[in-house]
Amino acid sequence: MSSWNSYFWKSLWKGGLLSIAIGIGILTLIYTEQFTNQLRIQENKRIELWGEAISVIVNSDETSDLTMATRIIEFNTSIPLILTDNNNKILTYRNLSVKDTSYSSIERELKKMIAYSEPIIVNLSPGVNQFIYRNESISLKRLRFFPRFLLGIIGLYIFLAYLAFSRARKSEQDLVWNGMAKETAHQLGTPLSALFGWVTILEEEGVNSLALQEIKKDLERLQTVAFRFSKIGSDLEPKSIDILALLNETIEYLQRRSPKSLKIKIEAPNRAPKINIEPVLIGWVIENLVRNAIDAMEGKGVVGISLGVVESTVYIDISDSGKGISSKDRRAIFKPGYTTKSRGWGLGLSLAKRIIETSHRGKLYLLNSQLKKGSIFRIELNSI
């Protein structure tokens, strides 16, 4: 399975789980809303019954049995309501949750009830009516709020569990990467020592000195590569480095080993600030980004390196005029194991980002990319 297919199915799996969780949340809210609407209808009927009881009491005479009407009125101990006359003058109220029972405070509650629903009309006599305004009971409000509260708690739990899982997975990846890097450095050390010994023997036998010089340069480069691997996961010892000098050194090495049809150009101020970095690792990051740019242009064109300083931040932009990066690939390019190339393990950009952001507290990101026009990667580092 290709890296893209693996990433696609992994993203699809995560998206599917998220969709299921959202679907459960939506269904829970819909069910609760339907249930609370039914309770709201029942509360409205209870208030209508309360209004009828008021009408019975007002229109009663000395022989009327008011036991049932009185019990209906007393039975309502939870639904907030206000009784008014034709002019919306407050006559009485029940079950309000406000502590301040002044007339102005009750009026504010009345405005909320008027906005909540239409009043229930109490017919007292021809042409004389009273109006009952009401709001949801505390129990109904709590029931409506409960699923949102529960979903919020579940969501928070899932988020914290995801963070814990991600940290554990990252810690495990760090151990694997660090172990792999140190083992690679160890494995490279033995043949390098032997090759340096053979170069010494060849020098003593008078072999072409120019060829030996180039061989020694490449062996020294291999030594640098081994040293880079040994530095991953170790405590860094940053040094005050002239970043422009490091860029020029890296570009000079890469230019000598690139096709003549490819040029590497640098734009930088005459003087650049010194920065505290591990030069071996930062040189590796720059080399990796430049090599990727060369691969994107298939060895033809111009790789641009731009150095800039804004306040205390040093920017290094590495641009190419290659095939660009599609929108579907942009989110995955820094993930371990992801590659669009037919060769390689897909660790270059992931390692580079790790070196810049974890080891140097900087930033590495894709600044811009357009298909068939090229890409720009940006490194941000803090100056001294």
Protein backbone atom coordinates (compact mmCIF):
# COMPACT_ATOMS: atom_id res chain seq x y z
CA MET A 1 0.00 0.00 0.00
CA SER A 2 1.40 3.44 -0.96
CA SER A 3 1.98 6.20 1.58
CA TRP A 4 -0.92 8.20 0.18
CA ASN A 5 -3.33 5.25 0.39
CA SER A 6 -2.21 4.54 3.95
CA TYR A 7 -2.73 8.17 4.91
CA PHE A 8 -6.09 8.24 3.09
CA TRP A 9 -7.48 5.20 4.92
CA LYS A 10 -6.13 6.45 8.24
CA SER A 11 -7.81 9.82 7.69
CA LEU A 12 -11.00 8.07 6.54
CA TRP A 13 -11.01 5.94 9.70
CA LYS A 14 -10.57 8.99 11.94
CA GLY A 15 -13.21 10.89 9.97
CA GLY A 16 -15.61 7.96 10.28
CA LEU A 17 -15.22 7.80 14.07
CA LEU A 18 -15.69 11.57 14.33
CA SER A 19 -18.81 11.37 12.12
CA ILE A 20 -20.26 8.60 14.31
CA ALA A 21 -19.60 10.66 17.45
CA ILE A 22 -21.22 13.74 15.89
CA GLY A 23 -24.17 11.62 14.72
CA ILE A 24 -24.70 10.23 18.24
CA GLY A 25 -24.57 13.77 19.62
CA ILE A 26 -27.09 15.06 17.08
CA LEU A 27 -29.48 12.13 17.68
CA THR A 28 -29.23 12.67 21.44
CA LEU A 29 -30.06 16.35 21.05
CA ILE A 30 -32.97 15.63 18.69
CA TYR A 31 -34.44 12.99 21.03
CA THR A 32 -34.09 15.24 24.07
CA GLU A 33 -35.59 18.19 22.21
CA GLN A 34 -38.60 16.10 21.17
CA PHE A 35 -39.04 14.87 24.75
CA THR A 36 -38.80 18.39 26.22
CA ASN A 37 -41.27 19.68 23.63
CA GLN A 38 -43.76 17.04 24.80
CA LEU A 39 -43.23 18.13 28.41
CA ARG A 40 -43.63 21.74 27.33
CA ILE A 41 -47.03 20.90 25.78
CA GLN A 42 -48.04 19.18 29.01
CA GLU A 43 -46.99 22.25 31.01
CA ASN A 44 -49.09 24.45 28.72
CA LYS A 45 -52.11 22.23 29.36
CA ARG A 46 -51.50 22.46 33.11
CA ILE A 47 -51.41 26.26 32.88
CA GLU A 48 -54.63 26.24 30.83
CA LEU A 49 -56.20 24.12 33.55
CA TRP A 50 -54.84 26.58 36.13
CA GLY A 51 -56.52 29.43 34.20
CA GLU A 52 -59.82 27.58 34.14
CA ALA A 53 -59.56 27.07 37.91
CA ILE A 54 -59.05 30.82 38.37
CA SER A 55 -62.12 31.49 36.21
CA VAL A 56 -64.20 29.03 38.24
CA ILE A 57 -63.16 30.66 41.53
CA VAL A 58 -63.83 34.20 40.30
CA ASN A 59 -67.26 33.28 38.86
CA SER A 60 -68.31 31.09 41.83
CA ASP A 61 -71.07 31.78 44.35
CA GLU A 62 -71.56 30.70 47.93
CA THR A 63 -72.90 27.27 46.92
CA SER A 64 -70.01 26.40 44.56
CA ASP A 65 -67.60 23.61 45.51
CA LEU A 66 -64.13 25.08 44.97
CA THR A 67 -62.14 22.15 46.34
CA MET A 68 -60.93 20.93 42.93
CA ALA A 69 -60.18 24.42 41.61
CA THR A 70 -58.21 25.29 44.73
CA ARG A 71 -56.22 22.07 44.55
CA ILE A 72 -55.39 22.73 40.88
CA ILE A 73 -54.05 26.17 41.76
CA GLU A 74 -52.03 24.87 44.70
CA PHE A 75 -50.71 21.90 42.70
CA ASN A 76 -48.61 24.15 40.45
CA THR A 77 -45.37 24.50 42.41
CA SER A 78 -42.87 24.49 39.54
CA ILE A 79 -44.12 26.39 36.48
CA PRO A 80 -43.34 30.14 36.65
CA LEU A 81 -46.36 32.28 35.74
CA ILE A 82 -47.72 35.80 36.05
CA LEU A 83 -51.41 36.78 35.98
CA THR A 84 -52.26 40.20 34.47
CA ASP A 85 -55.37 42.21 33.61
CA ASN A 86 -56.40 43.65 30.24
CA ASN A 87 -53.74 46.36 30.56
CA ASN A 88 -50.95 43.91 31.43
CA LYS A 89 -50.98 45.12 35.03
CA ILE A 90 -49.52 42.39 37.23
CA LEU A 91 -52.16 40.89 39.56
CA THR A 92 -50.26 37.92 40.98
CA TYR A 93 -47.39 35.57 40.25
CA ARG A 94 -46.09 32.14 41.24
CA ASN A 95 -42.84 30.14 41.22
CA LEU A 96 -40.53 32.91 39.99
CA SER A 97 -36.85 32.18 40.52
CA VAL A 98 -35.91 35.83 41.15
CA LYS A 99 -34.77 36.89 44.61
CA ASP A 100 -35.79 40.50 44.04
CA THR A 101 -39.61 40.61 44.22
CA SER A 102 -39.96 44.34 43.53
CA TYR A 103 -42.50 45.40 40.92
CA SER A 104 -39.79 46.38 38.39
CA SER A 105 -38.13 42.98 38.76
CA ILE A 106 -41.44 41.17 38.21
CA GLU A 107 -42.03 43.36 35.15
CA ARG A 108 -38.73 42.19 33.67
CA GLU A 109 -39.80 38.59 34.17
CA LEU A 110 -43.12 39.43 32.50
CA LYS A 111 -41.33 40.71 29.39
CA LYS A 112 -39.41 37.42 29.16
CA MET A 113 -42.68 35.47 29.44
CA ILE A 114 -44.37 37.62 26.78
CA ALA A 115 -41.46 36.82 24.43
CA TYR A 116 -41.63 33.11 25.36
CA SER A 117 -45.22 32.32 24.26
CA GLU A 118 -48.71 33.57 23.68
CA PRO A 119 -50.77 34.17 26.86
CA ILE A 120 -53.59 31.96 28.06
CA ILE A 121 -56.84 33.94 28.28
CA VAL A 122 -58.96 33.66 31.43
CA ASN A 123 -62.59 34.65 30.76
CA LEU A 124 -64.03 36.26 33.90
CA SER A 125 -67.17 37.89 32.45
CA PRO A 126 -68.26 39.25 29.08
CA GLY A 127 -65.62 41.76 28.02
CA VAL A 128 -63.45 41.18 31.09
CA ASN A 129 -60.40 38.96 30.66
CA GLN A 130 -57.20 38.19 32.47
CA PHE A 131 -54.03 36.79 30.95
CA ILE A 132 -51.63 34.13 32.17
CA TYR A 133 -48.04 34.40 31.00
CA ARG A 134 -45.64 31.57 31.77
CA ASN A 135 -42.12 30.27 31.23
CA GLU A 136 -40.48 26.84 31.34
CA SER A 137 -40.19 25.16 34.70
CA ILE A 138 -36.77 24.69 36.28
CA SER A 139 -37.03 20.92 35.69
CA LEU A 140 -37.71 21.43 31.98
CA LYS A 141 -34.80 23.84 31.64
CA ARG A 142 -32.48 21.39 33.36
CA LEU A 143 -33.68 18.56 31.14
CA ARG A 144 -33.04 20.68 28.05
CA PHE A 145 -29.56 21.62 29.29
CA PHE A 146 -28.54 18.16 30.53
CA PRO A 147 -27.70 16.49 27.16
CA ARG A 148 -25.59 19.48 26.14
CA PHE A 149 -23.76 19.32 29.44
CA LEU A 150 -23.30 15.55 29.11
CA LEU A 151 -22.05 15.82 25.52
CA GLY A 152 -19.65 18.56 26.61
CA ILE A 153 -18.23 16.33 29.35
CA ILE A 154 -17.91 13.40 26.93
CA GLY A 155 -16.27 15.65 24.35
CA LEU A 156 -13.80 16.97 26.93
CA TYR A 157 -13.01 13.41 28.02
CA ILE A 158 -12.42 12.32 24.41
CA PHE A 159 -10.22 15.37 23.80
CA LEU A 160 -8.10 14.71 26.91
CA ALA A 161 -7.86 11.01 26.05
CA TYR A 162 -6.76 11.91 22.51
CA LEU A 163 -4.09 14.26 23.89
CA ALA A 164 -2.84 11.58 26.27
CA PHE A 165 -2.80 8.97 23.49
CA SER A 166 -1.03 11.36 21.11
CA ARG A 167 1.62 12.18 23.72
CA ALA A 168 2.16 8.50 24.47
CA ARG A 169 2.41 7.67 20.77
CA LYS A 170 4.79 10.59 20.17
CA SER A 171 6.94 9.48 23.10
CA GLU A 172 7.05 5.97 21.66
CA GLN A 173 7.96 7.34 18.22
CA ASP A 174 10.69 9.45 19.80
CA LEU A 175 12.22 6.38 21.41
CA VAL A 176 12.09 4.44 18.12
CA TRP A 177 13.55 7.34 16.13
CA ASN A 178 16.29 8.04 18.64
CA GLY A 179 17.22 4.38 18.82
CA MET A 180 17.22 4.04 15.03
CA ALA A 181 19.34 7.17 14.62
CA LYS A 182 21.95 6.09 17.18
CA GLU A 183 22.11 2.58 15.72
CA THR A 184 22.59 4.06 12.22
CA ALA A 185 25.43 6.26 13.50
CA HIS A 186 27.02 3.24 15.18
CA GLN A 187 26.71 1.08 12.06
CA LEU A 188 28.24 3.79 9.87
CA GLY A 189 31.17 4.29 12.22
CA THR A 190 32.93 0.97 11.60
CA PRO A 191 33.11 1.03 7.76
CA LEU A 192 34.04 4.72 7.83
CA SER A 193 37.04 4.04 10.03
CA ALA A 194 38.12 1.26 7.68
CA LEU A 195 37.70 3.48 4.58
CA PHE A 196 39.83 6.22 6.12
CA GLY A 197 42.49 3.59 6.74
CA TRP A 198 42.39 2.50 3.10
CA VAL A 199 42.70 6.13 1.95
CA THR A 200 45.84 6.48 4.09
CA ILE A 201 47.31 3.34 2.46
CA LEU A 202 46.49 4.65 -1.02
CA GLU A 203 48.17 7.96 -0.21
CA GLU A 204 51.31 6.11 0.88
CA GLU A 205 51.31 4.17 -2.41
CA GLY A 206 51.19 7.40 -4.45
CA VAL A 207 47.68 7.13 -5.89
CA ASN A 208 46.37 10.26 -7.71
CA SER A 209 46.15 12.86 -4.95
CA LEU A 210 43.25 14.82 -6.56
CA ALA A 211 41.03 11.75 -6.61
CA LEU A 212 41.97 10.94 -3.04
CA GLN A 213 41.08 14.46 -1.95
CA GLU A 214 37.58 14.07 -3.35
CA ILE A 215 37.23 10.67 -1.75
CA LYS A 216 38.32 12.13 1.59
CA LYS A 217 35.76 14.95 1.23
CA ASP A 218 32.98 12.43 0.66
CA LEU A 219 34.17 10.33 3.60
CA GLU A 220 34.19 13.42 5.77
CA ARG A 221 30.66 14.10 4.58
CA LEU A 222 29.67 10.57 5.57
CA GLN A 223 31.23 11.23 8.95
CA THR A 224 29.07 14.35 9.23
CA VAL A 225 25.99 12.30 8.36
CA ALA A 226 26.86 9.75 11.05
CA PHE A 227 27.42 12.61 13.49
CA ARG A 228 24.01 14.04 12.62
CA PHE A 229 22.33 10.76 13.44
CA SER A 230 24.19 10.54 16.73
CA LYS A 231 22.90 14.01 17.68
CA ILE A 232 19.22 13.08 17.31
CA GLY A 233 17.70 12.53 20.72
CA SER A 234 20.81 13.75 22.52
CA ASP A 235 21.13 16.87 24.63
CA LEU A 236 22.07 19.64 22.21
CA GLU A 237 24.97 21.98 22.75
CA PRO A 238 23.94 25.02 20.68
CA LYS A 239 26.63 27.37 19.45
CA SER A 240 26.58 30.97 18.35
CA ILE A 241 26.69 30.54 14.57
CA ASP A 242 26.83 32.89 11.61
CA ILE A 243 23.82 31.53 9.74
CA LEU A 244 24.92 33.10 6.45
CA ALA A 245 28.26 31.29 6.60
CA LEU A 246 26.46 28.00 7.30
CA LEU A 247 24.14 28.57 4.32
CA ASN A 248 27.06 29.34 1.98
CA GLU A 249 28.95 26.23 3.13
CA THR A 250 25.94 23.96 2.59
CA ILE A 251 25.11 25.47 -0.80
CA GLU A 252 28.70 25.17 -1.99
CA TYR A 253 28.75 21.47 -1.17
CA LEU A 254 25.40 20.80 -2.85
CA GLN A 255 26.17 22.88 -5.94
CA ARG A 256 29.36 20.88 -6.66
CA ARG A 257 27.33 17.68 -6.60
CA SER A 258 24.35 18.91 -8.61
CA PRO A 259 23.83 18.80 -12.39
CA LYS A 260 25.13 21.78 -14.37
CA SER A 261 21.55 22.46 -15.46
CA LEU A 262 20.67 23.36 -11.85
CA LYS A 263 21.69 26.50 -9.97
CA ILE A 264 21.36 27.36 -6.31
CA LYS A 265 21.07 31.08 -5.64
CA ILE A 266 21.00 32.87 -2.31
CA GLU A 267 19.61 36.28 -1.44
CA ALA A 268 20.77 37.61 1.90
CA PRO A 269 21.85 40.83 3.62
CA ASN A 270 25.56 41.55 3.82
CA ARG A 271 25.46 40.79 7.51
CA ALA A 272 23.16 38.42 9.33
CA PRO A 273 22.70 38.03 13.09
CA LYS A 274 24.24 35.12 14.91
CA ILE A 275 21.88 32.49 16.24
CA ASN A 276 22.22 29.78 18.88
CA ILE A 277 21.82 26.49 17.02
CA GLU A 278 23.34 23.06 16.57
CA PRO A 279 25.01 23.73 13.16
CA VAL A 280 25.28 20.07 12.14
CA LEU A 281 21.53 19.53 12.51
CA ILE A 282 20.45 22.86 10.99
CA GLY A 283 22.80 22.20 8.07
CA TRP A 284 21.06 18.85 7.64
CA VAL A 285 17.64 20.52 7.53
CA ILE A 286 18.75 23.03 4.88
CA GLU A 287 20.39 20.28 2.84
CA ASN A 288 17.27 18.14 3.05
CA LEU A 289 15.00 20.97 1.87
CA VAL A 290 17.35 21.89 -0.98
CA ARG A 291 17.59 18.25 -2.11
CA ASN A 292 13.80 18.01 -2.10
CA ALA A 293 13.65 21.15 -4.25
CA ILE A 294 16.18 19.66 -6.67
CA ASP A 295 14.12 16.45 -6.90
CA ALA A 296 10.92 18.48 -7.49
CA MET A 297 12.58 20.21 -10.47
CA GLU A 298 14.15 16.96 -11.72
CA GLY A 299 17.61 18.54 -11.63
CA LYS A 300 16.79 21.53 -13.86
CA GLY A 301 16.13 25.13 -12.87
CA VAL A 302 16.96 27.41 -9.99
CA VAL A 303 16.65 26.74 -6.27
CA GLY A 304 16.28 30.02 -4.42
CA ILE A 305 17.36 30.56 -0.81
CA SER A 306 16.30 33.81 0.82
CA LEU A 307 17.56 34.92 4.22
CA GLY A 308 15.74 37.66 6.09
CA VAL A 309 15.46 39.11 9.58
CA VAL A 310 12.34 40.58 11.20
CA GLU A 311 12.92 41.81 14.77
CA SER A 312 14.32 38.77 16.63
CA THR A 313 13.30 36.15 14.04
CA VAL A 314 15.50 34.83 11.23
CA TYR A 315 13.63 33.59 8.15
CA ILE A 316 15.08 31.15 5.63
CA ASP A 317 12.89 30.57 2.57
CA ILE A 318 13.80 27.73 0.19
CA SER A 319 11.91 27.90 -3.10
CA ASP A 320 11.82 25.88 -6.30
CA SER A 321 10.04 26.01 -9.66
CA GLY A 322 9.09 22.34 -9.65
CA LYS A 323 5.84 20.43 -9.84
CA GLY A 324 4.40 21.84 -6.61
CA ILE A 325 2.42 20.07 -3.90
CA SER A 326 -1.26 19.22 -4.29
CA SER A 327 -3.77 20.25 -1.65
CA LYS A 328 -4.36 16.62 -0.64
CA ASP A 329 -0.64 16.15 0.10
CA ARG A 330 0.00 19.36 2.05
CA ARG A 331 -1.43 18.08 5.34
CA ALA A 332 0.63 14.88 5.16
CA ILE A 333 4.07 15.99 3.94
CA PHE A 334 5.50 16.28 7.46
CA LYS A 335 4.12 12.94 8.67
CA PRO A 336 6.65 10.10 9.21
CA GLY A 337 6.62 7.56 6.41
CA TYR A 338 4.78 9.79 3.94
CA THR A 339 6.43 10.18 0.55
CA THR A 340 5.42 10.65 -3.07
CA LYS A 341 8.79 9.39 -4.33
CA SER A 342 9.47 5.89 -5.56
CA ARG A 343 12.47 5.67 -3.19
CA GLY A 344 13.12 6.78 0.35
CA TRP A 345 11.40 6.22 3.68
CA GLY A 346 9.55 9.49 3.90
CA LEU A 347 11.42 10.64 7.02
CA GLY A 348 13.29 13.66 5.66
CA LEU A 349 10.70 16.40 6.19
CA SER A 350 9.46 14.81 9.40
CA LEU A 351 12.99 14.77 10.84
CA ALA A 352 13.60 18.32 9.62
CA LYS A 353 10.45 19.59 11.33
CA ARG A 354 11.38 17.74 14.50
CA ILE A 355 14.87 19.28 14.52
CA ILE A 356 13.57 22.83 13.96
CA GLU A 357 10.50 22.79 16.21
CA THR A 358 11.39 20.35 19.00
CA SER A 359 15.13 20.85 19.31
CA HIS A 360 15.38 24.55 18.38
CA ARG A 361 11.93 25.93 19.31
CA GLY A 362 11.53 27.33 15.80
CA LYS A 363 9.05 26.70 12.98
CA LEU A 364 9.18 24.82 9.68
CA TYR A 365 6.19 24.95 7.36
CA LEU A 366 5.07 25.08 3.75
CA LEU A 367 4.71 28.79 3.04
CA ASN A 368 3.23 28.47 -0.44
CA SER A 369 2.82 25.93 -3.23
CA GLN A 370 1.16 25.87 -6.63
CA LEU A 371 0.94 22.93 -8.98
CA LYS A 372 3.43 23.16 -11.87
CA LYS A 373 4.79 26.43 -10.44
CA GLY A 374 6.75 25.36 -7.38
CA SER A 375 6.86 25.50 -3.60
CA ILE A 376 8.36 27.60 -0.82
CA PHE A 377 9.32 26.16 2.56
CA ARG A 378 10.07 28.52 5.43
CA ILE A 379 12.33 28.03 8.45
CA GLU A 380 11.93 30.42 11.41
CA LEU A 381 14.65 30.60 14.07
CA ASN A 382 15.18 32.99 16.95
CA SER A 383 18.26 35.20 16.76
CA ILE A 384 20.45 35.89 19.78
